[in-house]
């Protein structure tokens, strides 16, 4: 995938709605991704998954650099779907970038709470199987 130079745009919210429509019985649904799209677009998807009584876990995966922009010097941002590039000094953007990421995460968590969806933030250095095992162990203790 990293060698593909052109990426078609994805309609992630539409894909989530399609998946929600395929679920035939009450299930535990684990949504795994970076969710780099509008929280307003995600909210109806969460509702769609929950409307038939599914338990939903949203596992939000971000790279540590995406979380804190912990790099120095010039940085090139590239939209992998459109190919558009922007070059800027990381230290000039860090403050506003971190504020925007924190607000976006808070909005995402609020949307999850509002639809009774469990939220779990992971970074790419976390072991997915261990994170899921911890979640399921915590969940089993609640019931």
N, C-alpha and C. Protein backbone atom coordinates (compact mmCIF):
# COMPACT_ATOMS: atom_id res chain seq x y z
N UNK A 1 0.81 -1.19 0.00
CA UNK A 1 0.00 0.00 0.00
C UNK A 1 0.85 1.26 0.00
N UNK A 2 2.00 1.22 0.69
CA UNK A 2 2.82 2.43 0.76
C UNK A 2 3.46 2.76 -0.58
N UNK A 3 3.48 1.82 -1.51
CA UNK A 3 4.08 2.06 -2.81
C UNK A 3 3.07 2.59 -3.82
N UNK A 4 1.81 2.60 -3.48
CA UNK A 4 0.80 3.13 -4.38
C UNK A 4 0.90 4.65 -4.36
N UNK A 5 1.02 5.26 -5.54
CA UNK A 5 1.20 6.71 -5.59
C UNK A 5 -0.12 7.46 -5.63
N UNK A 6 -1.15 6.87 -6.15
CA UNK A 6 -2.45 7.53 -6.19
C UNK A 6 -3.43 6.77 -5.32
N UNK A 7 -4.16 7.51 -4.51
CA UNK A 7 -5.13 6.91 -3.63
C UNK A 7 -6.50 7.47 -3.96
N UNK A 8 -7.43 6.62 -4.29
CA UNK A 8 -8.78 7.15 -4.53
C UNK A 8 -9.37 7.65 -3.22
N UNK A 9 -10.20 8.67 -3.30
CA UNK A 9 -10.81 9.17 -2.08
C UNK A 9 -11.76 8.10 -1.52
N UNK A 10 -11.83 8.06 -0.22
CA UNK A 10 -12.67 7.06 0.44
C UNK A 10 -13.85 7.75 1.08
N UNK A 11 -14.97 7.08 1.06
CA UNK A 11 -16.15 7.59 1.75
C UNK A 11 -16.36 6.71 2.97
N UNK A 12 -15.50 6.94 3.98
CA UNK A 12 -15.51 6.10 5.18
C UNK A 12 -16.87 6.05 5.87
N UNK A 13 -17.57 7.19 6.04
CA UNK A 13 -18.89 7.10 6.68
C UNK A 13 -19.85 6.20 5.91
N UNK A 14 -19.84 6.29 4.60
CA UNK A 14 -20.72 5.44 3.79
C UNK A 14 -20.36 3.97 3.97
N UNK A 15 -19.06 3.68 4.01
CA UNK A 15 -18.62 2.30 4.21
C UNK A 15 -19.08 1.78 5.58
N UNK A 16 -19.02 2.63 6.60
CA UNK A 16 -19.49 2.21 7.93
C UNK A 16 -20.98 1.93 7.92
N UNK A 17 -21.75 2.75 7.23
CA UNK A 17 -23.19 2.50 7.12
C UNK A 17 -23.46 1.17 6.42
N UNK A 18 -22.70 0.88 5.37
CA UNK A 18 -22.88 -0.38 4.65
C UNK A 18 -22.58 -1.57 5.56
N UNK A 19 -21.53 -1.47 6.36
CA UNK A 19 -21.19 -2.56 7.29
C UNK A 19 -22.30 -2.71 8.34
N UNK A 20 -22.77 -1.60 8.87
CA UNK A 20 -23.83 -1.65 9.88
C UNK A 20 -25.07 -2.34 9.32
N UNK A 21 -25.36 -2.13 8.06
CA UNK A 21 -26.53 -2.74 7.42
C UNK A 21 -26.39 -4.25 7.28
N UNK A 22 -25.16 -4.75 7.27
CA UNK A 22 -24.92 -6.19 7.08
C UNK A 22 -25.06 -7.01 8.36
N UNK A 23 -25.06 -6.36 9.51
CA UNK A 23 -25.11 -7.09 10.78
C UNK A 23 -26.53 -7.61 10.99
N UNK A 24 -26.65 -8.93 11.10
CA UNK A 24 -27.95 -9.59 11.15
C UNK A 24 -28.49 -9.79 12.56
N UNK A 25 -27.61 -9.84 13.54
CA UNK A 25 -28.08 -10.06 14.92
C UNK A 25 -27.23 -9.24 15.87
N UNK A 26 -27.71 -9.10 17.09
CA UNK A 26 -27.00 -8.32 18.10
C UNK A 26 -25.58 -8.85 18.26
N UNK A 27 -24.62 -7.95 18.19
CA UNK A 27 -23.21 -8.34 18.19
C UNK A 27 -22.36 -7.34 18.95
N UNK A 28 -21.12 -7.74 19.20
CA UNK A 28 -20.10 -6.81 19.66
C UNK A 28 -19.39 -6.35 18.40
N UNK A 29 -19.44 -5.07 18.12
CA UNK A 29 -18.84 -4.50 16.92
C UNK A 29 -17.61 -3.71 17.34
N UNK A 30 -16.47 -4.02 16.74
CA UNK A 30 -15.24 -3.29 17.02
C UNK A 30 -14.88 -2.51 15.77
N UNK A 31 -14.89 -1.18 15.91
CA UNK A 31 -14.50 -0.30 14.81
C UNK A 31 -13.07 0.15 15.07
N UNK A 32 -12.20 -0.08 14.12
CA UNK A 32 -10.78 0.17 14.29
C UNK A 32 -10.30 1.09 13.17
N UNK A 33 -9.73 2.24 13.53
CA UNK A 33 -9.23 3.13 12.50
C UNK A 33 -8.75 4.44 13.07
N UNK A 34 -8.34 5.34 12.16
CA UNK A 34 -7.90 6.66 12.60
C UNK A 34 -9.06 7.65 12.64
N UNK A 35 -10.14 7.35 11.94
CA UNK A 35 -11.36 8.17 11.94
C UNK A 35 -11.07 9.62 11.59
N UNK A 36 -10.19 9.80 10.61
CA UNK A 36 -9.85 11.14 10.15
C UNK A 36 -10.92 11.66 9.19
N UNK A 37 -12.10 11.84 9.74
CA UNK A 37 -13.16 12.53 9.03
C UNK A 37 -14.03 13.21 10.06
N UNK A 38 -14.95 13.99 9.61
CA UNK A 38 -15.75 14.83 10.51
C UNK A 38 -16.52 13.99 11.53
N UNK A 39 -16.50 14.45 12.78
CA UNK A 39 -17.29 13.80 13.83
C UNK A 39 -18.77 13.86 13.48
N UNK A 40 -19.18 14.93 12.81
CA UNK A 40 -20.58 15.04 12.37
C UNK A 40 -20.95 13.96 11.37
N UNK A 41 -19.98 13.48 10.59
CA UNK A 41 -20.23 12.38 9.67
C UNK A 41 -20.22 11.04 10.40
N UNK A 42 -19.44 10.94 11.46
CA UNK A 42 -19.34 9.69 12.21
C UNK A 42 -20.55 9.43 13.10
N UNK A 43 -21.13 10.48 13.65
CA UNK A 43 -22.23 10.34 14.60
C UNK A 43 -23.39 9.50 14.07
N UNK A 44 -23.88 9.74 12.85
CA UNK A 44 -24.97 8.88 12.34
C UNK A 44 -24.54 7.42 12.17
N UNK A 45 -23.26 7.20 11.90
CA UNK A 45 -22.75 5.83 11.78
C UNK A 45 -22.83 5.12 13.12
N UNK A 46 -22.43 5.82 14.18
CA UNK A 46 -22.50 5.23 15.52
C UNK A 46 -23.95 4.89 15.87
N UNK A 47 -24.85 5.79 15.54
CA UNK A 47 -26.28 5.55 15.78
C UNK A 47 -26.74 4.32 15.01
N UNK A 48 -26.31 4.20 13.76
CA UNK A 48 -26.70 3.06 12.93
C UNK A 48 -26.24 1.74 13.55
N UNK A 49 -25.00 1.71 14.02
CA UNK A 49 -24.50 0.48 14.66
C UNK A 49 -25.26 0.17 15.95
N UNK A 50 -25.63 1.18 16.70
CA UNK A 50 -26.28 0.97 17.99
C UNK A 50 -27.78 0.71 17.89
N UNK A 51 -28.42 1.10 16.79
CA UNK A 51 -29.88 1.07 16.75
C UNK A 51 -30.49 -0.32 16.90
N UNK A 52 -29.75 -1.36 16.62
CA UNK A 52 -30.28 -2.71 16.79
C UNK A 52 -29.73 -3.40 18.04
N UNK A 53 -29.19 -2.61 18.96
CA UNK A 53 -28.74 -3.15 20.23
C UNK A 53 -27.32 -3.68 20.23
N UNK A 54 -26.56 -3.41 19.19
CA UNK A 54 -25.17 -3.86 19.18
C UNK A 54 -24.35 -3.14 20.24
N UNK A 55 -23.41 -3.85 20.83
CA UNK A 55 -22.40 -3.21 21.67
C UNK A 55 -21.29 -2.78 20.72
N UNK A 56 -20.84 -1.54 20.86
CA UNK A 56 -19.87 -1.00 19.92
C UNK A 56 -18.64 -0.48 20.67
N UNK A 57 -17.47 -0.85 20.18
CA UNK A 57 -16.20 -0.35 20.68
C UNK A 57 -15.51 0.35 19.53
N UNK A 58 -15.16 1.60 19.73
CA UNK A 58 -14.40 2.35 18.74
C UNK A 58 -12.96 2.40 19.21
N UNK A 59 -12.07 1.73 18.48
CA UNK A 59 -10.64 1.73 18.79
C UNK A 59 -9.98 2.74 17.86
N UNK A 60 -9.61 3.87 18.44
CA UNK A 60 -9.07 5.00 17.70
C UNK A 60 -7.55 4.89 17.67
N UNK A 61 -6.99 4.61 16.52
CA UNK A 61 -5.55 4.37 16.39
C UNK A 61 -4.87 5.57 15.74
N UNK A 62 -3.91 6.13 16.46
CA UNK A 62 -3.13 7.25 15.95
C UNK A 62 -1.64 6.98 16.15
N UNK A 63 -0.83 7.50 15.25
CA UNK A 63 0.61 7.45 15.39
C UNK A 63 1.01 8.50 16.43
N UNK A 64 2.04 8.23 17.24
CA UNK A 64 2.45 9.23 18.23
C UNK A 64 2.73 10.61 17.61
N UNK A 65 3.26 10.65 16.40
CA UNK A 65 3.51 11.94 15.75
C UNK A 65 2.19 12.63 15.42
N UNK A 66 1.17 11.86 15.04
CA UNK A 66 -0.15 12.43 14.78
C UNK A 66 -0.76 13.02 16.05
N UNK A 67 -0.45 12.44 17.18
CA UNK A 67 -1.01 12.90 18.44
C UNK A 67 -0.36 14.18 18.94
N UNK A 68 0.95 14.33 18.74
CA UNK A 68 1.63 15.46 19.36
C UNK A 68 2.53 16.27 18.43
N UNK A 69 2.61 15.88 17.18
CA UNK A 69 3.50 16.53 16.21
C UNK A 69 4.90 16.69 16.81
N UNK A 70 5.41 15.58 17.31
CA UNK A 70 6.68 15.56 18.06
C UNK A 70 7.89 15.45 17.14
N UNK A 71 7.96 16.33 16.17
CA UNK A 71 9.10 16.39 15.26
C UNK A 71 9.56 17.85 15.20
N UNK A 72 10.76 18.06 14.71
CA UNK A 72 11.31 19.42 14.58
C UNK A 72 11.63 19.69 13.12
N UNK A 73 11.64 20.96 12.78
CA UNK A 73 12.06 21.37 11.45
C UNK A 73 10.94 21.28 10.43
N UNK A 74 11.32 21.32 9.16
CA UNK A 74 10.30 21.30 8.11
C UNK A 74 9.61 19.93 8.07
N UNK A 75 8.34 19.97 7.84
CA UNK A 75 7.55 18.75 7.75
C UNK A 75 6.62 18.88 6.56
N UNK A 76 6.48 17.78 5.84
CA UNK A 76 5.61 17.75 4.67
C UNK A 76 4.37 16.95 5.02
N UNK A 77 3.23 17.59 4.89
CA UNK A 77 1.96 16.92 5.09
C UNK A 77 1.42 16.54 3.72
N UNK A 78 1.00 15.29 3.57
CA UNK A 78 0.42 14.87 2.31
C UNK A 78 -0.90 14.17 2.58
N UNK A 79 -1.93 14.64 1.91
CA UNK A 79 -3.23 13.98 1.98
C UNK A 79 -3.13 12.75 1.08
N UNK A 80 -3.18 11.57 1.69
CA UNK A 80 -2.99 10.34 0.93
C UNK A 80 -4.12 10.07 -0.06
N UNK A 81 -5.26 10.71 0.13
CA UNK A 81 -6.37 10.49 -0.80
C UNK A 81 -6.34 11.44 -1.98
N UNK A 82 -5.91 12.69 -1.76
CA UNK A 82 -5.90 13.66 -2.85
C UNK A 82 -4.50 13.92 -3.41
N UNK A 83 -3.46 13.58 -2.62
CA UNK A 83 -2.10 13.85 -3.04
C UNK A 83 -1.63 15.26 -2.73
N UNK A 84 -2.51 16.11 -2.25
CA UNK A 84 -2.16 17.51 -1.96
C UNK A 84 -1.10 17.54 -0.86
N UNK A 85 -0.10 18.42 -1.04
CA UNK A 85 1.00 18.53 -0.08
C UNK A 85 1.12 19.95 0.46
N UNK A 86 1.53 20.04 1.73
CA UNK A 86 1.82 21.32 2.37
C UNK A 86 3.10 21.11 3.16
N UNK A 87 4.04 22.07 3.03
CA UNK A 87 5.28 22.02 3.80
C UNK A 87 5.27 23.18 4.78
N UNK A 88 5.63 22.90 6.04
CA UNK A 88 5.64 23.94 7.08
C UNK A 88 6.67 23.55 8.14
N UNK A 89 6.99 24.49 9.02
CA UNK A 89 7.87 24.23 10.15
C UNK A 89 7.03 23.63 11.28
N UNK A 90 7.39 22.45 11.73
CA UNK A 90 6.61 21.74 12.75
C UNK A 90 6.42 22.58 14.00
N UNK A 91 7.49 23.23 14.46
CA UNK A 91 7.39 24.00 15.70
C UNK A 91 6.44 25.18 15.57
N UNK A 92 6.25 25.71 14.35
CA UNK A 92 5.31 26.82 14.14
C UNK A 92 3.86 26.35 14.23
N UNK A 93 3.62 25.09 13.94
CA UNK A 93 2.26 24.56 13.92
C UNK A 93 1.87 23.82 15.19
N UNK A 94 2.85 23.37 15.96
CA UNK A 94 2.61 22.43 17.05
C UNK A 94 1.50 22.85 18.00
N UNK A 95 1.52 24.08 18.48
CA UNK A 95 0.52 24.53 19.45
C UNK A 95 -0.90 24.42 18.92
N UNK A 96 -1.14 25.03 17.78
CA UNK A 96 -2.50 25.00 17.20
C UNK A 96 -2.87 23.59 16.74
N UNK A 97 -1.88 22.84 16.24
CA UNK A 97 -2.13 21.46 15.82
C UNK A 97 -2.60 20.63 17.01
N UNK A 98 -1.87 20.71 18.13
CA UNK A 98 -2.23 19.92 19.31
C UNK A 98 -3.59 20.33 19.85
N UNK A 99 -3.89 21.62 19.83
CA UNK A 99 -5.22 22.08 20.25
C UNK A 99 -6.31 21.47 19.37
N UNK A 100 -6.07 21.48 18.07
CA UNK A 100 -7.06 20.94 17.13
C UNK A 100 -7.23 19.44 17.32
N UNK A 101 -6.13 18.71 17.51
CA UNK A 101 -6.21 17.25 17.72
C UNK A 101 -6.95 16.95 19.02
N UNK A 102 -6.63 17.68 20.09
CA UNK A 102 -7.29 17.46 21.38
C UNK A 102 -8.79 17.74 21.28
N UNK A 103 -9.16 18.81 20.58
CA UNK A 103 -10.58 19.13 20.43
C UNK A 103 -11.30 18.07 19.61
N UNK A 104 -10.65 17.62 18.55
CA UNK A 104 -11.23 16.58 17.69
C UNK A 104 -11.42 15.28 18.48
N UNK A 105 -10.42 14.90 19.29
CA UNK A 105 -10.54 13.70 20.11
C UNK A 105 -11.65 13.86 21.14
N UNK A 106 -11.75 15.03 21.75
CA UNK A 106 -12.81 15.28 22.74
C UNK A 106 -14.18 15.19 22.07
N UNK A 107 -14.30 15.74 20.87
CA UNK A 107 -15.57 15.66 20.14
C UNK A 107 -15.90 14.21 19.78
N UNK A 108 -14.89 13.45 19.39
CA UNK A 108 -15.08 12.04 19.05
C UNK A 108 -15.51 11.25 20.28
N UNK A 109 -14.87 11.50 21.41
CA UNK A 109 -15.24 10.83 22.66
C UNK A 109 -16.66 11.21 23.08
N UNK A 110 -17.02 12.47 22.93
CA UNK A 110 -18.38 12.91 23.27
C UNK A 110 -19.41 12.24 22.38
N UNK A 111 -19.12 12.11 21.10
CA UNK A 111 -20.04 11.42 20.19
C UNK A 111 -20.21 9.97 20.60
N UNK A 112 -19.12 9.34 21.00
CA UNK A 112 -19.19 7.95 21.46
C UNK A 112 -20.05 7.85 22.73
N UNK A 113 -19.78 8.72 23.70
CA UNK A 113 -20.57 8.70 24.95
C UNK A 113 -22.05 8.93 24.65
N UNK A 114 -22.33 9.85 23.73
CA UNK A 114 -23.71 10.18 23.39
C UNK A 114 -24.47 9.04 22.76
N UNK A 115 -23.75 8.06 22.21
CA UNK A 115 -24.40 6.90 21.60
C UNK A 115 -24.08 5.61 22.34
N UNK A 116 -23.57 5.74 23.57
CA UNK A 116 -23.24 4.59 24.41
C UNK A 116 -22.27 3.64 23.69
N UNK A 117 -21.25 4.25 23.08
CA UNK A 117 -20.21 3.51 22.39
C UNK A 117 -18.94 3.63 23.21
N UNK A 118 -18.28 2.51 23.46
CA UNK A 118 -17.02 2.53 24.20
C UNK A 118 -15.92 3.09 23.30
N UNK A 119 -15.03 3.89 23.89
CA UNK A 119 -13.94 4.54 23.15
C UNK A 119 -12.62 4.11 23.75
N UNK A 120 -11.69 3.75 22.89
CA UNK A 120 -10.36 3.34 23.35
C UNK A 120 -9.33 3.98 22.42
N UNK A 121 -8.48 4.84 22.96
CA UNK A 121 -7.42 5.47 22.17
C UNK A 121 -6.18 4.59 22.21
N UNK A 122 -5.64 4.30 21.05
CA UNK A 122 -4.42 3.51 20.92
C UNK A 122 -3.44 4.29 20.06
N UNK A 123 -2.15 4.03 20.27
CA UNK A 123 -1.23 4.55 19.28
C UNK A 123 -0.62 3.36 18.55
N UNK A 124 0.06 3.66 17.46
CA UNK A 124 0.54 2.59 16.58
C UNK A 124 1.60 1.71 17.23
N UNK A 125 2.13 2.13 18.39
CA UNK A 125 3.10 1.29 19.09
C UNK A 125 2.42 0.31 20.03
N UNK A 126 1.11 0.47 20.25
CA UNK A 126 0.37 -0.45 21.12
C UNK A 126 0.09 -1.76 20.40
N UNK A 127 0.05 -2.82 21.16
CA UNK A 127 -0.31 -4.13 20.63
C UNK A 127 -1.84 -4.21 20.56
N UNK A 128 -2.37 -4.39 19.37
CA UNK A 128 -3.81 -4.44 19.19
C UNK A 128 -4.44 -5.59 19.97
N UNK A 129 -3.84 -6.77 19.91
CA UNK A 129 -4.43 -7.92 20.60
C UNK A 129 -4.43 -7.71 22.11
N UNK A 130 -3.37 -7.09 22.66
CA UNK A 130 -3.33 -6.84 24.10
C UNK A 130 -4.34 -5.77 24.50
N UNK A 131 -4.50 -4.75 23.67
CA UNK A 131 -5.48 -3.69 23.96
C UNK A 131 -6.89 -4.26 23.94
N UNK A 132 -7.19 -5.10 22.98
CA UNK A 132 -8.52 -5.71 22.91
C UNK A 132 -8.74 -6.65 24.08
N UNK A 133 -7.72 -7.41 24.45
CA UNK A 133 -7.83 -8.32 25.60
C UNK A 133 -8.09 -7.53 26.88
N UNK A 134 -7.38 -6.40 27.07
CA UNK A 134 -7.60 -5.55 28.26
C UNK A 134 -9.03 -5.02 28.28
N UNK A 135 -9.49 -4.57 27.13
CA UNK A 135 -10.85 -4.05 27.05
C UNK A 135 -11.86 -5.14 27.41
N UNK A 136 -11.71 -6.32 26.83
CA UNK A 136 -12.66 -7.40 27.10
C UNK A 136 -12.61 -7.85 28.56
N UNK A 137 -11.41 -7.85 29.16
CA UNK A 137 -11.29 -8.22 30.58
C UNK A 137 -12.00 -7.18 31.44
N UNK A 138 -11.79 -5.91 31.17
CA UNK A 138 -12.45 -4.84 31.92
C UNK A 138 -13.96 -4.94 31.75
N UNK A 139 -14.39 -5.19 30.54
CA UNK A 139 -15.81 -5.30 30.24
C UNK A 139 -16.45 -6.48 30.98
N UNK A 140 -15.72 -7.60 31.04
CA UNK A 140 -16.29 -8.78 31.71
C UNK A 140 -16.42 -8.55 33.21
N UNK A 141 -15.55 -7.71 33.78
CA UNK A 141 -15.63 -7.40 35.20
C UNK A 141 -16.86 -6.54 35.52
N UNK A 142 -17.35 -5.80 34.53
CA UNK A 142 -18.50 -4.94 34.75
C UNK A 142 -19.82 -5.73 34.77
N UNK A 143 -19.80 -6.93 34.21
CA UNK A 143 -21.04 -7.73 34.12
C UNK A 143 -21.01 -8.94 34.98
